[in-house]
């Protein structure tokens, strides 16, 4: 059967991350949601996503299709129910469509094409809000660790490291010296050619992506996921960096999510707990205002290509859009629109031409081209987010 991962209405709740990617391209645990489904179902997925993303994330429809909610993480009970679906059947959790089996072009209008609705009674990890990314990260890290390492042998680490516990897997090309790694309280996964520099301390679970670097003296606990080609230093707790992003210096990042191509200046700090210990509110794009997370701990949500200067202080529950450039003394506001420039002393629009030039330079440092497709996506986001820049 042909696998299609669809966005649906939940993508609005995952902005700004879904401005630049389908739901299923979000990373938590070790893998992206797409990679999880592809490994479990042993096939390649395509995407049913908004038109402006479709040139990069293509849709492939065949005669027999399984469509799966791109915000949904797999588990074994869920998998068994999905593969049992007959044509025209949909699997729901309450009113949320989890998956369906559809014929040909029925995929295009999938809600109306479902003839039989079945309910899934077990719990699921459905990423329907931004904070669920870090909230479910421990569980997803444990599941992915099992999936990725099953039947495989780990490479060895240098004897200069202190290893506690045995939930550790090391891919080829990993360099690690004089680090303390506690894998007794959560699995630790080191991707290919990653580096763990001297004095690093790891506890409570970590996935370190291919080619990523933990800088000297880093303190990582959480569980935390660091995607490919990132540089991370300082103190990080229960946070996710999707990939190609840097937090290279001292400072605290907690209960936070950074997209791709982000950079936090030296001594940037995020607050993840209010002084009165109240529930954290977070900006919601569908509401056009703040909503309660129900969580006591919630830090920074930063979209792709956003940056901040040295000594930036982010208040509890801050949302930063795509391609924002933040700097200055004091706390920026709790919602910083896409393509905004400035900080507590004042904001202005970040000119699209300048933002694209910066993105081109940053991506070239990783030998990746800002091509016409990426340019068109960022241009669309610039126009789509214009109404929020009422400075």
Protein backbone atom coordinates (compact mmCIF):
# COMPACT_ATOMS: atom_id res chain seq x y z
CA UNK A 1 0.00 0.00 0.00
CA UNK A 2 1.08 3.57 -0.75
CA UNK A 3 1.84 5.68 2.34
CA UNK A 4 0.71 9.32 2.48
CA UNK A 5 1.19 11.57 5.51
CA UNK A 6 -1.41 14.34 5.62
CA UNK A 7 -1.42 17.66 7.47
CA UNK A 8 -5.08 18.51 8.01
CA UNK A 9 -6.16 21.29 10.37
CA UNK A 10 -3.64 20.47 13.10
CA UNK A 11 -0.86 22.20 11.15
CA UNK A 12 -2.26 25.59 12.22
CA UNK A 13 -1.59 24.69 15.86
CA UNK A 14 2.03 23.78 15.07
CA UNK A 15 2.97 27.08 13.43
CA UNK A 16 5.65 28.46 13.14
CA UNK A 17 7.27 25.01 12.66
CA UNK A 18 4.76 24.01 9.97
CA UNK A 19 5.25 27.24 8.03
CA UNK A 20 8.26 25.56 6.42
CA UNK A 21 7.53 21.80 6.65
CA UNK A 22 4.71 19.27 6.79
CA UNK A 23 3.71 18.00 10.23
CA UNK A 24 5.50 14.70 9.67
CA UNK A 25 8.88 16.41 9.17
CA UNK A 26 8.99 17.46 12.83
CA UNK A 27 11.62 15.61 14.86
CA UNK A 28 11.20 14.10 18.31
CA UNK A 29 12.90 11.11 19.85
CA UNK A 30 15.62 10.17 17.36
CA UNK A 31 13.64 10.32 14.12
CA UNK A 32 11.23 12.62 12.35
CA UNK A 33 7.62 11.42 12.40
CA UNK A 34 7.99 10.49 8.72
CA UNK A 35 11.07 8.41 9.40
CA UNK A 36 9.25 6.55 12.20
CA UNK A 37 6.41 5.51 9.89
CA UNK A 38 8.75 4.62 7.04
CA UNK A 39 10.80 2.33 9.28
CA UNK A 40 7.75 0.62 10.77
CA UNK A 41 5.94 0.14 7.45
CA UNK A 42 9.12 -0.43 5.41
CA UNK A 43 8.12 1.95 2.65
CA UNK A 44 8.65 5.54 1.54
CA UNK A 45 6.07 8.22 2.35
CA UNK A 46 4.80 11.20 0.40
CA UNK A 47 2.96 14.25 1.76
CA UNK A 48 -0.47 15.81 1.46
CA UNK A 49 0.45 19.34 2.48
CA UNK A 50 -0.39 22.93 1.38
CA UNK A 51 0.38 23.82 -2.23
CA UNK A 52 3.27 26.16 -1.46
CA UNK A 53 5.15 23.26 0.20
CA UNK A 54 4.23 20.68 -2.45
CA UNK A 55 7.20 21.34 -4.77
CA UNK A 56 9.56 20.22 -2.00
CA UNK A 57 7.31 17.71 -0.23
CA UNK A 58 5.57 15.89 -3.05
CA UNK A 59 2.35 13.89 -3.09
CA UNK A 60 2.18 10.49 -4.75
CA UNK A 61 -1.28 8.87 -5.13
CA UNK A 62 -1.69 5.24 -6.16
CA UNK A 63 -4.61 2.83 -6.49
CA UNK A 64 -4.45 1.70 -2.85
CA UNK A 65 -3.39 4.29 -0.25
CA UNK A 66 -2.95 4.41 3.49
CA UNK A 67 -3.14 8.02 4.69
CA UNK A 68 -1.86 8.80 8.18
CA UNK A 69 -2.10 11.97 10.23
CA UNK A 70 1.32 13.64 10.05
CA UNK A 71 1.10 14.66 13.72
CA UNK A 72 0.72 11.03 14.85
CA UNK A 73 3.59 8.95 16.20
CA UNK A 74 3.40 5.17 15.68
CA UNK A 75 3.07 2.47 18.31
CA UNK A 76 2.55 -1.25 17.87
CA UNK A 77 -1.16 -1.34 18.73
CA UNK A 78 -1.82 1.56 16.39
CA UNK A 79 0.15 -0.10 13.59
CA UNK A 80 -1.86 -3.31 13.87
CA UNK A 81 -5.16 -1.39 13.59
CA UNK A 82 -3.97 0.67 10.62
CA UNK A 83 -2.78 -2.28 8.53
CA UNK A 84 -6.15 -4.00 9.18
CA UNK A 85 -8.13 -1.12 7.64
CA UNK A 86 -10.26 -1.99 4.64
CA UNK A 87 -10.85 0.36 1.72
CA UNK A 88 -13.06 3.26 2.73
CA UNK A 89 -12.43 2.80 6.47
CA UNK A 90 -11.04 5.50 8.76
CA UNK A 91 -9.51 5.21 12.22
CA UNK A 92 -10.32 8.02 14.66
CA UNK A 93 -9.39 9.16 18.15
CA UNK A 94 -12.51 11.03 19.15
CA UNK A 95 -13.10 13.42 16.26
CA UNK A 96 -9.49 13.40 15.06
CA UNK A 97 -8.75 11.29 11.99
CA UNK A 98 -5.67 9.15 12.64
CA UNK A 99 -5.55 7.09 9.46
CA UNK A 100 -7.64 5.79 6.54
CA UNK A 101 -7.36 3.43 3.60
CA UNK A 102 -8.57 5.05 0.38
CA UNK A 103 -8.73 4.35 -3.33
CA UNK A 104 -6.97 6.60 -5.82
CA UNK A 105 -8.18 10.18 -5.99
CA UNK A 106 -10.42 9.67 -2.94
CA UNK A 107 -7.31 10.84 -1.07
CA UNK A 108 -7.83 14.41 -2.30
CA UNK A 109 -11.11 14.77 -0.36
CA UNK A 110 -10.28 12.21 2.28
CA UNK A 111 -12.75 13.27 5.00
CA UNK A 112 -15.75 12.86 2.68
CA UNK A 113 -14.38 9.65 1.16
CA UNK A 114 -14.41 7.69 4.43
CA UNK A 115 -17.46 5.41 4.60
CA UNK A 116 -16.83 3.60 7.90
CA UNK A 117 -15.47 5.26 11.04
CA UNK A 118 -13.65 3.18 13.64
CA UNK A 119 -12.47 4.41 17.04
CA UNK A 120 -9.01 3.76 18.48
CA UNK A 121 -9.43 3.39 22.25
CA UNK A 122 -5.77 3.32 23.34
CA UNK A 123 -3.54 6.31 24.09
CA UNK A 124 -1.59 7.90 21.23
CA UNK A 125 1.22 10.42 20.95
CA UNK A 126 -0.48 13.02 18.77
CA UNK A 127 1.52 16.24 18.37
CA UNK A 128 -1.47 18.58 18.23
CA UNK A 129 0.23 21.44 20.11
CA UNK A 130 3.79 22.78 20.10
CA UNK A 131 4.59 21.82 23.69
CA UNK A 132 3.72 18.17 22.99
CA UNK A 133 7.03 17.94 21.06
CA UNK A 134 9.14 18.15 24.23
CA UNK A 135 6.43 16.62 26.43
CA UNK A 136 6.50 13.33 24.48
CA UNK A 137 10.22 13.36 23.76
CA UNK A 138 11.24 10.90 26.49
CA UNK A 139 8.67 8.35 25.37
CA UNK A 140 9.55 8.76 21.69
CA UNK A 141 13.28 8.56 22.42
CA UNK A 142 12.78 5.22 24.16
CA UNK A 143 10.66 3.86 21.27
CA UNK A 144 13.03 5.11 18.57
CA UNK A 145 16.06 3.77 20.42
CA UNK A 146 14.52 0.29 20.34
CA UNK A 147 13.56 0.65 16.68
CA UNK A 148 16.89 2.02 15.44
CA UNK A 149 19.20 -0.28 17.40
CA UNK A 150 17.31 -3.61 17.17
CA UNK A 151 19.61 -6.42 16.04
CA UNK A 152 22.61 -4.10 15.67
CA UNK A 153 25.90 -3.75 17.53
CA UNK A 154 27.15 -0.47 18.93
CA UNK A 155 30.59 0.91 18.18
CA UNK A 156 32.90 1.40 21.17
CA UNK A 157 33.74 4.59 23.03
CA UNK A 158 37.16 5.61 24.31
CA UNK A 159 38.11 4.45 27.81
CA UNK A 160 38.59 8.10 28.82
CA UNK A 161 34.80 8.40 29.12
CA UNK A 162 32.82 7.54 32.24
CA UNK A 163 29.85 5.36 31.25
CA UNK A 164 26.95 4.59 33.62
CA UNK A 165 24.28 2.11 32.50
CA UNK A 166 23.99 0.19 29.25
CA UNK A 167 21.30 2.02 27.25
CA UNK A 168 23.84 3.54 24.91
CA UNK A 169 24.34 3.12 21.16
CA UNK A 170 27.25 4.58 19.20
CA UNK A 171 27.24 4.82 15.41
CA UNK A 172 30.37 4.79 13.25
CA UNK A 173 32.73 7.75 13.33
CA UNK A 174 31.70 9.08 16.77
CA UNK A 175 34.42 10.95 18.68
CA UNK A 176 34.08 11.25 22.46
CA UNK A 177 36.71 11.87 25.11
CA UNK A 178 36.53 12.54 28.87
CA UNK A 179 32.72 12.80 28.98
CA UNK A 180 30.34 11.54 31.67
CA UNK A 181 27.43 9.63 30.13
CA UNK A 182 24.64 8.35 32.39
CA UNK A 183 22.53 5.99 30.29
CA UNK A 184 20.89 4.34 33.31
CA UNK A 185 17.98 6.78 33.45
CA UNK A 186 17.30 7.08 29.70
CA UNK A 187 18.77 5.89 26.39
CA UNK A 188 21.67 7.74 24.79
CA UNK A 189 22.13 7.60 21.01
CA UNK A 190 25.12 9.09 19.19
CA UNK A 191 24.61 9.50 15.42
CA UNK A 192 27.30 8.99 12.79
CA UNK A 193 30.33 11.28 12.97
CA UNK A 194 29.00 13.19 15.97
CA UNK A 195 31.46 14.64 18.50
CA UNK A 196 31.26 14.83 22.28
CA UNK A 197 34.01 17.13 23.53
CA UNK A 198 35.81 16.95 26.86
CA UNK A 199 33.87 17.66 30.04
CA UNK A 200 30.42 17.02 28.57
CA UNK A 201 27.88 15.57 31.03
CA UNK A 202 24.81 13.69 29.75
CA UNK A 203 21.89 12.37 31.78
CA UNK A 204 18.22 11.29 31.36
CA UNK A 205 18.31 10.49 27.66
CA UNK A 206 19.81 12.08 24.55
CA UNK A 207 19.74 11.69 20.78
CA UNK A 208 22.69 13.43 19.12
CA UNK A 209 22.24 13.65 15.35
CA UNK A 210 24.70 12.87 12.59
CA UNK A 211 27.59 15.32 12.44
CA UNK A 212 26.47 17.26 15.53
CA UNK A 213 28.86 18.51 18.21
CA UNK A 214 28.50 18.85 21.97
CA UNK A 215 30.99 21.50 22.98
CA UNK A 216 33.31 21.36 25.99
CA UNK A 217 31.58 21.32 29.36
CA UNK A 218 28.05 20.99 27.93
CA UNK A 219 25.40 19.79 30.39
CA UNK A 220 22.62 17.85 28.65
CA UNK A 221 19.64 16.22 30.32
CA UNK A 222 16.04 15.95 29.71
CA UNK A 223 15.37 13.94 27.51
CA UNK A 224 16.89 16.05 24.75
CA UNK A 225 17.02 15.61 20.97
CA UNK A 226 19.65 17.32 18.85
CA UNK A 227 19.17 16.80 15.12
CA UNK A 228 21.89 16.56 12.45
CA UNK A 229 24.66 19.15 12.03
CA UNK A 230 24.04 21.13 15.22
CA UNK A 231 26.51 22.68 17.65
CA UNK A 232 25.39 22.77 21.29
CA UNK A 233 27.00 24.04 24.47
CA UNK A 234 25.92 25.26 27.90
CA UNK A 235 22.94 23.75 29.71
CA UNK A 236 20.10 22.06 27.82
CA UNK A 237 17.12 20.30 29.38
CA UNK A 238 14.23 18.45 27.69
CA UNK A 239 14.62 20.39 24.44
CA UNK A 240 14.61 19.60 20.71
CA UNK A 241 16.67 21.10 17.90
CA UNK A 242 15.31 19.85 14.56
CA UNK A 243 18.66 20.19 12.78
CA UNK A 244 21.33 22.57 11.40
CA UNK A 245 20.85 24.87 14.43
CA UNK A 246 23.36 26.21 16.94
CA UNK A 247 23.36 26.92 20.65
CA UNK A 248 27.09 26.98 20.78
CA UNK A 249 27.78 28.77 24.06
CA UNK A 250 26.84 28.99 27.74
CA UNK A 251 23.27 29.78 28.70
CA UNK A 252 20.16 27.75 29.52
CA UNK A 253 17.67 26.19 27.10
CA UNK A 254 14.83 24.29 28.77
CA UNK A 255 11.56 22.71 27.61
CA UNK A 256 12.07 24.35 24.25
CA UNK A 257 11.95 23.57 20.53
CA UNK A 258 14.16 25.13 17.85
CA UNK A 259 13.54 24.58 14.14
CA UNK A 260 16.28 24.43 11.51
CA UNK A 261 18.93 27.08 10.77
CA UNK A 262 18.45 28.83 14.13
CA UNK A 263 21.27 30.40 16.13
CA UNK A 264 21.27 31.47 19.78
CA UNK A 265 23.92 34.06 20.68
CA UNK A 266 26.33 33.52 23.58
CA UNK A 267 24.74 33.55 27.05
CA UNK A 268 21.19 33.43 25.68
CA UNK A 269 18.85 32.17 28.40
CA UNK A 270 15.29 30.88 28.28
CA UNK A 271 12.90 30.87 31.22
CA UNK A 272 10.79 27.73 31.41
CA UNK A 273 9.06 28.39 34.77
CA UNK A 274 7.02 31.40 35.86
CA UNK A 275 7.91 33.05 39.18
CA UNK A 276 4.42 32.29 40.53
CA UNK A 277 4.61 28.65 39.29
CA UNK A 278 1.40 29.16 37.30
CA UNK A 279 0.53 27.34 34.07
CA UNK A 280 2.36 28.71 31.05
CA UNK A 281 0.42 30.35 28.22
CA UNK A 282 1.71 30.11 24.67
CA UNK A 283 0.83 32.04 21.51
CA UNK A 284 -1.70 30.19 19.34
CA UNK A 285 -1.98 31.11 15.67
CA UNK A 286 -5.53 29.72 15.27
CA UNK A 287 -6.75 31.67 18.33
CA UNK A 288 -4.85 34.82 17.44
CA UNK A 289 -3.89 35.02 21.11
CA UNK A 290 -2.45 33.03 23.98
CA UNK A 291 -3.76 29.67 25.19
CA UNK A 292 -3.05 27.73 28.38
CA UNK A 293 -0.69 24.82 27.89
CA UNK A 294 -1.69 23.08 31.12
CA UNK A 295 2.06 22.80 31.74
CA UNK A 296 4.18 24.38 34.46
CA UNK A 297 7.34 24.18 32.35
CA UNK A 298 7.53 25.65 28.85
CA UNK A 299 10.33 27.69 27.33
CA UNK A 300 11.05 28.90 23.78
CA UNK A 301 9.45 27.86 20.48
CA UNK A 302 11.57 29.22 17.59
CA UNK A 303 10.81 28.78 13.89
CA UNK A 304 13.34 28.11 11.12
CA UNK A 305 16.05 30.65 10.24
CA UNK A 306 15.52 32.76 13.39
CA UNK A 307 18.46 34.17 15.34
CA UNK A 308 19.13 36.09 18.54
CA UNK A 309 22.06 38.20 19.73
CA UNK A 310 24.29 37.67 22.75
CA UNK A 311 22.74 37.84 26.22
CA UNK A 312 19.18 37.58 24.89
CA UNK A 313 16.64 36.74 27.60
CA UNK A 314 13.50 34.87 26.56
CA UNK A 315 10.59 34.89 28.97
CA UNK A 316 8.58 31.81 29.88
CA UNK A 317 6.50 30.57 26.97
CA UNK A 318 7.90 32.65 24.08
CA UNK A 319 7.05 31.94 20.44
CA UNK A 320 9.37 33.26 17.71
CA UNK A 321 8.31 32.92 14.08
CA UNK A 322 10.37 32.17 10.96
CA UNK A 323 13.41 34.29 10.06
CA UNK A 324 13.24 36.71 13.00
CA UNK A 325 16.34 38.55 14.20
CA UNK A 326 16.16 39.42 17.91
CA UNK A 327 18.59 41.45 20.00
CA UNK A 328 18.80 44.10 22.73
CA UNK A 329 18.60 44.39 26.52
CA UNK A 330 15.49 43.22 28.37
CA UNK A 331 12.86 40.63 27.55
CA UNK A 332 11.41 40.54 24.02
CA UNK A 333 7.65 40.13 23.85
CA UNK A 334 6.25 36.60 24.24
CA UNK A 335 5.25 36.47 20.56
CA UNK A 336 7.73 37.61 17.93
CA UNK A 337 6.26 37.46 14.40
CA UNK A 338 8.06 35.97 11.43
CA UNK A 339 10.45 38.34 9.64
CA UNK A 340 10.67 40.71 12.61
CA UNK A 341 13.86 42.60 13.47
CA UNK A 342 14.71 44.14 16.84
CA UNK A 343 13.77 43.56 20.45
CA UNK A 344 12.49 45.26 23.62
CA UNK A 345 13.55 48.70 22.35
CA UNK A 346 11.46 48.40 19.20
CA UNK A 347 10.67 46.21 16.20
CA UNK A 348 10.58 46.59 12.45
CA UNK A 349 10.04 44.33 9.48
CA UNK A 350 13.01 42.24 8.37
CA UNK A 351 13.30 42.94 4.64
CA UNK A 352 12.76 39.76 2.63
CA UNK A 353 15.79 40.35 0.41
CA UNK A 354 18.09 40.68 3.42
CA UNK A 355 16.56 37.66 5.16
CA UNK A 356 17.08 35.54 2.06
CA UNK A 357 20.68 36.73 1.73
CA UNK A 358 21.39 35.70 5.34
CA UNK A 359 19.71 32.32 4.81
CA UNK A 360 21.83 31.76 1.71
CA UNK A 361 25.06 32.44 3.62
CA UNK A 362 24.05 30.32 6.62
CA UNK A 363 23.00 27.32 4.53
CA UNK A 364 26.14 27.50 2.38
CA UNK A 365 28.18 26.98 5.56
CA UNK A 366 26.62 23.48 5.66
CA UNK A 367 27.12 23.03 1.91
CA UNK A 368 23.39 23.33 1.27
CA UNK A 369 22.00 25.65 -1.38
CA UNK A 370 19.15 28.09 -0.84
CA UNK A 371 17.49 27.07 -4.09
CA UNK A 372 14.41 28.40 -5.84
CA UNK A 373 12.08 26.01 -4.00
CA UNK A 374 13.35 27.11 -0.56
CA UNK A 375 13.23 30.75 -1.66
CA UNK A 376 9.61 30.38 -2.74
CA UNK A 377 8.66 28.81 0.60
CA UNK A 378 10.25 31.63 2.60
CA UNK A 379 8.67 34.22 0.30
CA UNK A 380 5.25 32.66 0.91
CA UNK A 381 5.81 32.72 4.68
CA UNK A 382 6.85 36.38 4.49
CA UNK A 383 3.54 37.27 2.79
CA UNK A 384 1.39 34.93 4.90
CA UNK A 385 2.74 36.37 8.17
CA UNK A 386 2.58 40.05 7.20
CA UNK A 387 -0.59 40.73 9.23
CA UNK A 388 1.26 39.93 12.48
CA UNK A 389 3.91 42.62 11.92
CA UNK A 390 1.96 45.59 13.23
CA UNK A 391 4.94 47.41 14.73
